[in-house]
N, C-alpha and C. Protein backbone atom coordinates (compact mmCIF):
# COMPACT_ATOMS: atom_id res chain seq x y z
N MET A 1 -7.10 11.12 3.11
CA MET A 1 -7.30 10.52 1.98
C MET A 1 -5.70 10.08 1.23
N LYS A 2 -4.48 11.03 1.44
CA LYS A 2 -3.76 10.85 1.03
C LYS A 2 -3.06 9.44 2.09
N LYS A 3 -3.69 9.32 3.03
CA LYS A 3 -2.67 7.82 3.84
C LYS A 3 -3.79 6.58 3.03
N LEU A 4 -4.90 7.03 2.43
CA LEU A 4 -5.46 5.84 2.40
C LEU A 4 -5.09 5.57 0.54
N ILE A 5 -4.59 6.42 -0.34
CA ILE A 5 -4.50 6.36 -1.27
C ILE A 5 -2.75 5.77 -1.40
N PHE A 6 -2.25 6.03 -0.15
CA PHE A 6 -0.77 5.63 0.33
C PHE A 6 -0.74 3.77 0.69
N SER A 7 -1.82 3.57 1.57
CA SER A 7 -2.33 2.41 1.82
C SER A 7 -2.42 1.44 0.81
N LEU A 8 -3.22 1.83 0.01
CA LEU A 8 -3.84 1.28 -1.30
C LEU A 8 -2.52 0.88 -2.30
N ALA A 9 -1.96 2.01 -2.44
CA ALA A 9 -0.48 1.86 -3.29
C ALA A 9 0.42 0.64 -2.57
N ALA A 10 0.67 1.15 -1.47
CA ALA A 10 1.63 -0.30 -0.97
C ALA A 10 0.87 -1.54 -1.16
N SER A 11 -0.07 -1.81 -0.38
CA SER A 11 -0.75 -2.65 -0.88
C SER A 11 -0.55 -3.44 -2.03
N LEU A 12 -0.77 -3.01 -3.05
CA LEU A 12 -0.92 -3.26 -4.17
C LEU A 12 0.54 -3.77 -4.71
N LEU A 13 1.43 -2.69 -4.32
CA LEU A 13 2.53 -3.27 -4.41
C LEU A 13 3.18 -4.41 -3.78
N ILE A 14 2.77 -4.80 -2.24
CA ILE A 14 2.98 -6.05 -2.01
C ILE A 14 1.95 -7.21 -2.69
N SER A 15 0.73 -6.81 -3.01
CA SER A 15 0.19 -7.74 -3.63
C SER A 15 0.56 -8.27 -4.64
N ALA A 16 1.22 -7.24 -5.77
CA ALA A 16 2.15 -7.62 -6.99
C ALA A 16 2.96 -8.45 -6.98
N SER A 17 3.97 -8.13 -5.91
CA SER A 17 5.36 -8.84 -5.88
C SER A 17 4.72 -10.30 -5.22
N THR A 18 3.81 -10.83 -4.31
CA THR A 18 3.33 -11.72 -3.75
C THR A 18 3.13 -12.58 -4.97
N PHE A 19 2.12 -12.20 -5.60
CA PHE A 19 1.40 -12.74 -7.39
C PHE A 19 2.40 -13.37 -7.78
N ALA A 20 3.31 -12.18 -7.76
CA ALA A 20 4.55 -12.59 -8.89
C ALA A 20 5.57 -13.83 -8.31
N TYR A 21 5.76 -14.08 -7.31
CA TYR A 21 6.52 -15.31 -6.67
C TYR A 21 5.80 -16.47 -6.15
N GLU A 22 4.66 -16.06 -6.67
CA GLU A 22 3.49 -17.57 -5.94
C GLU A 22 4.35 -18.86 -7.04
N GLY A 23 4.28 -19.87 -6.69
CA GLY A 23 4.66 -20.79 -7.91
C GLY A 23 3.59 -21.25 -8.82
N GLY A 24 3.80 -21.82 -9.90
CA GLY A 24 2.73 -22.23 -10.55
C GLY A 24 3.09 -21.84 -12.13
N LYS A 25 2.99 -22.78 -13.21
CA LYS A 25 3.38 -22.21 -14.15
C LYS A 25 2.61 -20.79 -14.57
N LYS A 26 2.92 -19.67 -15.44
CA LYS A 26 2.77 -18.22 -15.93
C LYS A 26 2.51 -18.32 -17.17
N GLU A 27 1.27 -17.72 -17.67
CA GLU A 27 1.17 -17.60 -19.41
C GLU A 27 2.13 -16.64 -19.34
N ASP A 28 2.69 -16.87 -20.60
CA ASP A 28 3.99 -15.67 -20.68
C ASP A 28 3.02 -14.73 -22.04
N ASP A 29 3.26 -13.36 -21.62
CA ASP A 29 2.38 -12.51 -22.72
C ASP A 29 3.48 -11.71 -23.46
N ALA A 30 5.03 -12.48 -24.04
CA ALA A 30 6.04 -11.67 -24.20
C ALA A 30 5.55 -11.26 -25.70
N ASN A 31 4.49 -11.97 -26.40
CA ASN A 31 4.24 -11.69 -27.39
C ASN A 31 3.25 -10.34 -27.81
N LYS A 32 3.01 -9.81 -26.39
CA LYS A 32 2.18 -8.61 -26.31
C LYS A 32 2.99 -6.96 -25.95
N VAL A 33 3.73 -7.44 -25.32
CA VAL A 33 4.79 -6.49 -24.93
C VAL A 33 5.01 -5.76 -26.26
N SER A 34 4.93 -4.29 -25.75
CA SER A 34 5.42 -3.15 -26.86
C SER A 34 6.65 -3.33 -27.27
N TYR A 35 7.17 -3.03 -28.36
CA TYR A 35 8.51 -2.85 -28.72
C TYR A 35 9.40 -2.15 -27.89
N SER A 36 9.14 -0.88 -27.48
CA SER A 36 9.62 0.55 -26.95
C SER A 36 10.21 -0.39 -25.34
N VAL A 37 8.99 -0.93 -24.92
CA VAL A 37 9.04 -1.60 -23.17
C VAL A 37 10.36 -2.70 -23.47
N LYS A 38 10.27 -3.72 -24.30
CA LYS A 38 11.24 -4.59 -24.92
C LYS A 38 12.96 -4.11 -24.67
N ASN A 39 13.11 -2.82 -25.58
CA ASN A 39 13.75 -2.06 -25.50
C ASN A 39 14.38 -1.48 -24.49
N GLU A 40 13.50 -0.71 -23.96
CA GLU A 40 14.00 -0.06 -22.02
C GLU A 40 14.26 -1.29 -21.33
N PHE A 41 13.73 -2.29 -21.00
CA PHE A 41 14.26 -3.67 -20.30
C PHE A 41 15.33 -3.95 -20.82
N ASP A 42 15.74 -4.29 -22.11
CA ASP A 42 16.88 -4.81 -22.43
C ASP A 42 17.89 -3.91 -21.83
N ALA A 43 17.97 -2.48 -22.30
CA ALA A 43 18.69 -1.57 -21.45
C ALA A 43 18.94 -1.43 -20.00
N THR A 44 18.04 -1.56 -19.45
CA THR A 44 17.97 -1.32 -18.16
C THR A 44 18.73 -2.98 -17.52
N PHE A 45 18.28 -3.98 -17.92
CA PHE A 45 18.53 -5.34 -16.93
C PHE A 45 19.50 -6.13 -17.75
N GLY A 46 19.98 -5.88 -18.79
CA GLY A 46 21.22 -6.31 -19.59
C GLY A 46 20.33 -8.02 -20.28
N GLY A 47 20.96 -8.76 -20.11
CA GLY A 47 21.04 -9.76 -20.42
C GLY A 47 20.09 -11.02 -19.63
N VAL A 48 19.06 -10.26 -18.84
CA VAL A 48 18.56 -11.34 -17.86
C VAL A 48 17.66 -12.47 -18.72
N GLU A 49 17.41 -13.85 -18.68
CA GLU A 49 17.11 -14.84 -19.31
C GLU A 49 15.89 -15.22 -18.33
N ASP A 50 15.08 -16.01 -18.87
CA ASP A 50 13.77 -16.90 -18.43
C ASP A 50 12.84 -15.83 -18.00
N VAL A 51 12.63 -14.88 -18.70
CA VAL A 51 11.73 -13.49 -18.30
C VAL A 51 10.22 -13.64 -19.06
N VAL A 52 9.41 -13.78 -17.70
CA VAL A 52 8.05 -14.27 -17.84
C VAL A 52 7.16 -12.36 -17.69
N TRP A 53 6.49 -12.41 -19.18
CA TRP A 53 5.79 -11.20 -19.09
C TRP A 53 4.58 -11.44 -19.14
N THR A 54 3.80 -9.98 -18.04
CA THR A 54 2.33 -10.37 -18.13
C THR A 54 2.07 -8.54 -18.55
N VAL A 55 0.95 -8.28 -19.42
CA VAL A 55 0.48 -7.36 -20.17
C VAL A 55 -0.97 -7.22 -19.22
N THR A 56 -1.43 -5.91 -19.01
CA THR A 56 -2.81 -5.35 -18.58
C THR A 56 -2.70 -4.59 -19.52
N ALA A 57 -4.05 -3.86 -18.74
CA ALA A 57 -4.68 -2.71 -19.52
C ALA A 57 -3.98 -1.54 -18.98
N ASP A 58 -3.28 -1.44 -17.59
CA ASP A 58 -2.76 -0.96 -17.34
C ASP A 58 -1.16 -0.80 -17.18
N PHE A 59 -0.33 -2.10 -17.18
CA PHE A 59 0.89 -1.74 -17.24
C PHE A 59 1.45 -3.24 -17.79
N GLN A 60 2.82 -3.19 -17.93
CA GLN A 60 3.48 -4.40 -18.30
C GLN A 60 4.44 -4.91 -17.82
N LYS A 61 4.43 -5.88 -17.17
CA LYS A 61 5.04 -6.45 -16.09
C LYS A 61 6.30 -7.39 -16.56
N ALA A 62 7.47 -7.31 -15.89
CA ALA A 62 8.57 -8.75 -16.24
C ALA A 62 9.10 -9.19 -15.30
N GLU A 63 9.07 -10.33 -15.02
CA GLU A 63 9.44 -11.19 -13.72
C GLU A 63 10.52 -12.16 -14.08
N PHE A 64 11.50 -12.22 -13.18
CA PHE A 64 12.94 -12.27 -13.80
C PHE A 64 13.80 -12.50 -12.42
N SER A 65 14.71 -13.42 -12.37
CA SER A 65 15.89 -13.71 -11.56
C SER A 65 16.98 -12.55 -11.73
N MET A 66 17.38 -11.34 -11.07
CA MET A 66 18.63 -10.64 -11.11
C MET A 66 19.48 -10.95 -9.85
N ASP A 67 20.69 -11.42 -9.87
CA ASP A 67 21.58 -11.94 -9.31
C ASP A 67 21.20 -13.07 -8.10
N ASP A 68 20.28 -13.80 -8.87
CA ASP A 68 19.64 -14.87 -7.78
C ASP A 68 18.72 -14.41 -7.23
N VAL A 69 18.06 -12.99 -7.28
CA VAL A 69 17.06 -12.68 -6.12
C VAL A 69 15.31 -12.59 -7.49
N LYS A 70 14.69 -12.82 -7.20
CA LYS A 70 13.52 -12.63 -7.86
C LYS A 70 12.92 -11.38 -7.78
N THR A 71 12.66 -10.77 -9.02
CA THR A 71 12.76 -9.52 -9.33
C THR A 71 11.60 -9.16 -10.60
N THR A 72 10.20 -8.19 -10.13
CA THR A 72 9.93 -7.81 -11.12
C THR A 72 9.79 -6.07 -11.38
N ALA A 73 10.25 -6.08 -12.59
CA ALA A 73 9.91 -4.35 -13.22
C ALA A 73 8.66 -4.24 -14.16
N TYR A 74 8.14 -3.03 -13.47
CA TYR A 74 7.06 -2.63 -14.02
C TYR A 74 7.45 -1.42 -15.24
N TYR A 75 6.19 -1.28 -15.97
CA TYR A 75 6.31 -0.52 -17.69
C TYR A 75 4.55 0.14 -17.13
N ASN A 76 4.68 1.20 -17.63
CA ASN A 76 3.37 2.03 -18.29
C ASN A 76 3.14 1.26 -19.88
N ASN A 77 2.06 1.53 -20.04
CA ASN A 77 1.67 0.93 -21.39
C ASN A 77 2.22 2.46 -22.52
N LYS A 78 3.20 3.36 -21.88
CA LYS A 78 3.47 4.20 -22.66
C LYS A 78 4.90 4.05 -23.06
N GLY A 79 5.36 2.53 -22.36
CA GLY A 79 6.66 2.18 -22.64
C GLY A 79 7.80 2.69 -21.48
N GLU A 80 6.98 3.26 -20.51
CA GLU A 80 7.77 4.21 -19.47
C GLU A 80 8.41 3.03 -18.60
N TYR A 81 9.70 3.16 -17.58
CA TYR A 81 9.63 2.44 -16.88
C TYR A 81 9.44 2.66 -15.63
N LEU A 82 8.79 1.96 -14.83
CA LEU A 82 8.63 2.88 -13.21
C LEU A 82 9.42 2.18 -12.63
N GLY A 83 10.16 0.90 -12.45
CA GLY A 83 10.59 0.53 -11.31
C GLY A 83 10.15 -0.49 -11.24
N TYR A 84 11.04 -1.61 -10.20
CA TYR A 84 11.00 -2.75 -9.81
C TYR A 84 11.12 -3.17 -8.18
N THR A 85 10.16 -4.06 -8.17
CA THR A 85 10.45 -4.72 -6.84
C THR A 85 11.28 -6.20 -6.41
N GLN A 86 11.70 -6.43 -5.15
CA GLN A 86 12.41 -7.72 -5.31
C GLN A 86 11.84 -7.99 -3.36
N LEU A 87 12.10 -9.16 -3.42
CA LEU A 87 11.93 -9.38 -2.01
C LEU A 87 13.11 -9.58 -1.29
N VAL A 88 13.56 -8.93 -0.53
CA VAL A 88 14.73 -8.80 0.21
C VAL A 88 14.53 -9.53 1.46
N SER A 89 15.72 -9.51 2.50
CA SER A 89 15.83 -10.15 4.05
C SER A 89 15.95 -9.05 4.74
N MET A 90 16.00 -9.26 6.33
CA MET A 90 15.72 -8.37 7.16
C MET A 90 17.17 -7.32 6.89
N LYS A 91 18.32 -8.31 6.64
CA LYS A 91 19.67 -7.73 6.65
C LYS A 91 20.04 -6.78 5.64
N ALA A 92 18.90 -6.75 4.76
CA ALA A 92 19.07 -5.29 3.32
C ALA A 92 18.50 -4.21 4.32
N LEU A 93 17.83 -4.26 5.45
CA LEU A 93 17.50 -2.65 5.82
C LEU A 93 18.40 -2.00 6.59
N PRO A 94 18.98 -0.79 6.76
CA PRO A 94 19.38 0.02 7.78
C PRO A 94 19.53 -0.84 8.88
N THR A 95 20.73 -0.66 9.92
CA THR A 95 20.84 -1.43 11.13
C THR A 95 20.23 -0.81 12.07
N SER A 96 19.89 0.79 11.78
CA SER A 96 18.90 1.87 12.54
C SER A 96 17.39 1.44 12.47
N ALA A 97 17.26 0.93 11.39
CA ALA A 97 15.17 0.55 11.39
C ALA A 97 15.31 -0.74 11.48
N ARG A 98 16.10 -1.94 11.67
CA ARG A 98 16.10 -3.10 12.46
C ARG A 98 15.38 -3.13 13.80
N LYS A 99 16.60 -2.14 14.32
CA LYS A 99 16.65 -2.08 15.63
C LYS A 99 15.33 -0.96 15.99
N GLU A 100 14.76 -0.23 15.54
CA GLU A 100 13.55 0.28 15.63
C GLU A 100 12.26 -0.40 15.39
N ILE A 101 12.38 -1.46 14.64
CA ILE A 101 11.04 -2.04 14.01
C ILE A 101 11.03 -3.29 15.54
N ALA A 102 12.53 -3.88 15.68
CA ALA A 102 12.65 -4.73 16.81
C ALA A 102 11.57 -4.04 18.27
N ALA A 103 12.13 -2.38 18.39
CA ALA A 103 11.71 -1.74 19.84
C ALA A 103 10.18 -1.73 19.58
N LYS A 104 9.88 -0.90 18.20
CA LYS A 104 8.58 -0.84 18.16
C LYS A 104 7.33 -2.14 17.86
N TYR A 105 7.79 -3.10 17.31
CA TYR A 105 6.96 -3.89 16.88
C TYR A 105 7.05 -5.27 17.83
N LYS A 106 7.75 -5.34 19.01
CA LYS A 106 8.19 -6.34 19.71
C LYS A 106 7.26 -7.65 19.76
N GLY A 107 7.68 -8.51 18.95
CA GLY A 107 6.82 -9.84 19.34
C GLY A 107 6.29 -10.00 17.92
N TYR A 108 6.27 -9.33 17.35
CA TYR A 108 5.86 -9.34 15.52
C TYR A 108 6.88 -10.03 14.67
N GLY A 109 5.91 -10.99 14.15
CA GLY A 109 6.87 -11.63 13.02
C GLY A 109 7.18 -10.68 11.54
N VAL A 110 7.94 -10.78 10.96
CA VAL A 110 7.98 -10.33 9.58
C VAL A 110 7.70 -11.72 8.58
N ASN A 111 6.70 -10.77 7.77
CA ASN A 111 6.32 -12.02 6.79
C ASN A 111 7.25 -11.93 5.74
N GLU A 112 7.01 -10.84 5.22
CA GLU A 112 8.12 -10.44 4.17
C GLU A 112 8.62 -8.85 4.02
N ILE A 113 9.50 -8.83 3.17
CA ILE A 113 10.19 -7.41 3.20
C ILE A 113 10.11 -7.34 1.88
N ILE A 114 9.61 -6.03 0.91
CA ILE A 114 9.70 -6.06 -0.42
C ILE A 114 10.42 -4.41 -0.62
N LYS A 115 11.63 -4.81 -1.12
CA LYS A 115 12.33 -3.32 -1.64
C LYS A 115 11.62 -2.96 -3.05
N PHE A 116 11.60 -1.68 -2.89
CA PHE A 116 11.00 -0.71 -4.35
C PHE A 116 11.57 -0.01 -4.89
N ARG A 117 12.35 0.02 -5.65
CA ARG A 117 13.29 0.79 -6.30
C ARG A 117 12.48 1.44 -7.35
N THR A 118 12.13 3.05 -7.60
CA THR A 118 11.77 3.66 -8.85
C THR A 118 12.51 3.85 -10.02
N GLY A 119 11.66 3.81 -11.07
CA GLY A 119 12.28 4.19 -12.05
C GLY A 119 12.68 5.66 -12.59
N ASP A 120 11.96 6.59 -11.77
CA ASP A 120 11.95 7.97 -11.77
C ASP A 120 12.80 8.63 -11.08
N SER A 121 13.95 9.26 -11.43
CA SER A 121 15.01 9.58 -10.70
C SER A 121 14.42 11.43 -10.15
N ASN A 122 13.27 12.02 -11.00
CA ASN A 122 12.67 13.03 -10.95
C ASN A 122 11.22 13.20 -9.59
N GLY A 123 10.91 11.74 -9.16
CA GLY A 123 9.87 11.59 -8.49
C GLY A 123 8.74 11.93 -9.23
N SER A 124 8.50 10.88 -10.20
CA SER A 124 7.25 10.83 -10.95
C SER A 124 5.48 11.01 -9.94
N SER A 125 4.84 11.15 -10.30
CA SER A 125 3.27 10.82 -9.47
C SER A 125 3.24 9.50 -8.89
N LEU A 126 3.90 8.67 -9.74
CA LEU A 126 3.57 6.86 -9.36
C LEU A 126 5.01 7.09 -8.41
N SER A 127 5.97 7.25 -8.59
CA SER A 127 7.22 7.26 -7.53
C SER A 127 6.68 8.22 -6.27
N ARG A 128 5.87 9.23 -5.95
CA ARG A 128 5.52 9.80 -4.94
C ARG A 128 4.07 8.93 -4.34
N LEU A 129 3.54 8.90 -5.24
CA LEU A 129 2.44 7.65 -4.35
C LEU A 129 2.77 6.56 -4.07
N ALA A 130 3.59 5.59 -4.69
CA ALA A 130 4.07 4.61 -4.17
C ALA A 130 5.05 4.70 -2.68
N VAL A 131 5.80 5.85 -2.78
CA VAL A 131 6.45 6.18 -1.28
C VAL A 131 5.81 6.99 -0.45
N GLY A 132 4.53 7.05 -0.60
CA GLY A 132 3.87 8.34 0.60
C GLY A 132 3.96 9.54 -0.02
N GLY A 133 4.09 10.35 -0.79
CA GLY A 133 3.90 11.49 -1.26
C GLY A 133 5.52 12.19 -1.18
N THR A 134 6.34 11.57 -0.71
CA THR A 134 7.40 12.15 -0.65
C THR A 134 8.53 11.17 -2.18
N PHE A 135 9.49 11.63 -2.51
CA PHE A 135 10.37 11.08 -3.23
C PHE A 135 11.39 10.55 -2.63
N ASP A 136 11.58 9.23 -2.38
CA ASP A 136 12.73 8.05 -2.14
C ASP A 136 13.04 7.27 -3.59
N GLU A 137 13.88 7.25 -4.24
CA GLU A 137 14.45 6.09 -4.85
C GLU A 137 14.48 4.82 -4.30
N VAL A 138 14.39 4.50 -3.36
CA VAL A 138 14.84 3.11 -3.02
C VAL A 138 13.68 3.36 -1.79
N SER A 139 12.64 2.42 -1.54
CA SER A 139 11.79 2.20 -0.33
C SER A 139 11.80 0.89 -0.05
N TYR A 140 11.76 0.44 1.48
CA TYR A 140 11.42 -1.19 2.12
C TYR A 140 10.09 -0.88 2.33
N PHE A 141 9.25 -2.06 2.05
CA PHE A 141 7.92 -2.24 2.79
C PHE A 141 7.89 -3.86 3.82
N VAL A 142 7.82 -3.15 5.04
CA VAL A 142 7.98 -4.61 6.03
C VAL A 142 6.22 -4.94 6.09
N SER A 143 6.24 -5.90 5.81
CA SER A 143 5.10 -6.74 6.30
C SER A 143 5.24 -7.46 7.77
N LEU A 144 4.20 -6.97 8.58
CA LEU A 144 4.71 -7.53 10.24
C LEU A 144 3.28 -8.40 10.76
N GLU A 145 3.29 -8.96 11.72
CA GLU A 145 2.47 -9.94 12.13
C GLU A 145 2.26 -10.59 13.34
N LYS A 146 1.78 -10.24 14.43
CA LYS A 146 1.54 -10.77 15.68
C LYS A 146 0.24 -11.25 16.07
N GLU A 147 -0.32 -12.48 16.38
CA GLU A 147 -1.36 -12.72 16.68
C GLU A 147 -2.55 -12.46 15.93
N GLY A 148 -2.80 -12.44 14.46
CA GLY A 148 -3.31 -11.71 13.52
C GLY A 148 -3.52 -9.97 13.80
N GLN A 149 -2.39 -9.59 14.12
CA GLN A 149 -3.03 -8.07 13.82
C GLN A 149 -1.69 -7.95 13.16
N LYS A 150 -2.14 -7.23 11.78
CA LYS A 150 -1.08 -7.33 11.03
C LYS A 150 -0.52 -5.17 10.71
N ALA A 151 0.44 -5.25 10.49
CA ALA A 151 0.93 -4.08 10.06
C ALA A 151 1.76 -3.96 9.05
N LEU A 152 2.02 -2.68 8.30
CA LEU A 152 2.71 -2.74 7.16
C LEU A 152 3.75 -1.08 7.12
N VAL A 153 5.02 -1.68 7.15
CA VAL A 153 5.49 0.17 7.49
C VAL A 153 6.60 -0.18 6.22
N ARG A 154 7.02 1.21 6.07
CA ARG A 154 7.89 1.89 4.87
C ARG A 154 8.96 2.25 5.43
N VAL A 155 10.04 1.81 5.20
CA VAL A 155 11.52 2.01 5.60
C VAL A 155 12.59 2.76 4.34
N THR A 156 12.82 4.21 4.71
CA THR A 156 13.01 5.09 3.83
C THR A 156 14.71 4.52 3.94
N PRO A 157 15.24 4.99 2.48
CA PRO A 157 16.95 4.83 2.67
C PRO A 157 17.62 5.82 3.92
N TYR A 158 16.88 6.65 4.71
CA TYR A 158 17.48 7.41 5.90
C TYR A 158 17.22 6.41 6.80
N SER A 159 16.31 5.36 7.01
CA SER A 159 16.42 4.63 8.28
C SER A 159 15.40 4.77 8.87
N SER A 160 14.25 5.82 8.29
CA SER A 160 13.16 6.39 9.03
C SER A 160 11.95 5.55 9.05
N LEU A 161 10.97 5.40 9.52
CA LEU A 161 9.89 4.83 9.67
C LEU A 161 8.82 4.95 9.32
N GLU A 162 7.91 4.60 8.53
CA GLU A 162 6.48 5.35 8.32
C GLU A 162 5.64 4.16 8.39
N VAL A 163 4.46 4.03 9.06
CA VAL A 163 3.67 2.90 9.21
C VAL A 163 2.32 3.59 8.28
N VAL A 164 2.40 2.42 7.43
CA VAL A 164 1.27 2.49 5.90
C VAL A 164 0.14 2.16 6.52
N ASN A 165 0.14 0.82 7.37
CA ASN A 165 -1.23 0.40 7.43
C ASN A 165 -1.02 -0.49 8.81
N ASN A 166 -1.87 0.08 10.11
CA ASN A 166 -1.83 -0.97 11.33
C ASN A 166 -3.06 -1.01 11.60
């Protein structure tokens, strides 16, 4: 059950970030974002511009560029900062993790790598869910594919690999 929940959370993380970076004009929900979320966002990310907001029944999401990297920040509807995702390259992974992926997934291509940084240094239930029941402030999710076979691997800051979905 824990693995199923983890797979679902990681898939949601990948899907949300992928959706955020697909082209096209997005409707901006800036007028629906709570005052506390706007204040928290400004305190966390400073003077970023061109922020596109999405508000749903479950969360509030800000899409923007930070240091020329497309970034998505997530907040719950209580105004609490949950964390952010960024698309990154293979170079962002620890060298030992890159070597282990190359060895264990020989012939697989990398579809995308998403960095997830939690906003909770205490390991909230969301951050534990999103990173497999253990708390790591930063995790990378690597989407791999070979001849129609897909794999999703989590890389921890300590370079360990955890298969999310295979």
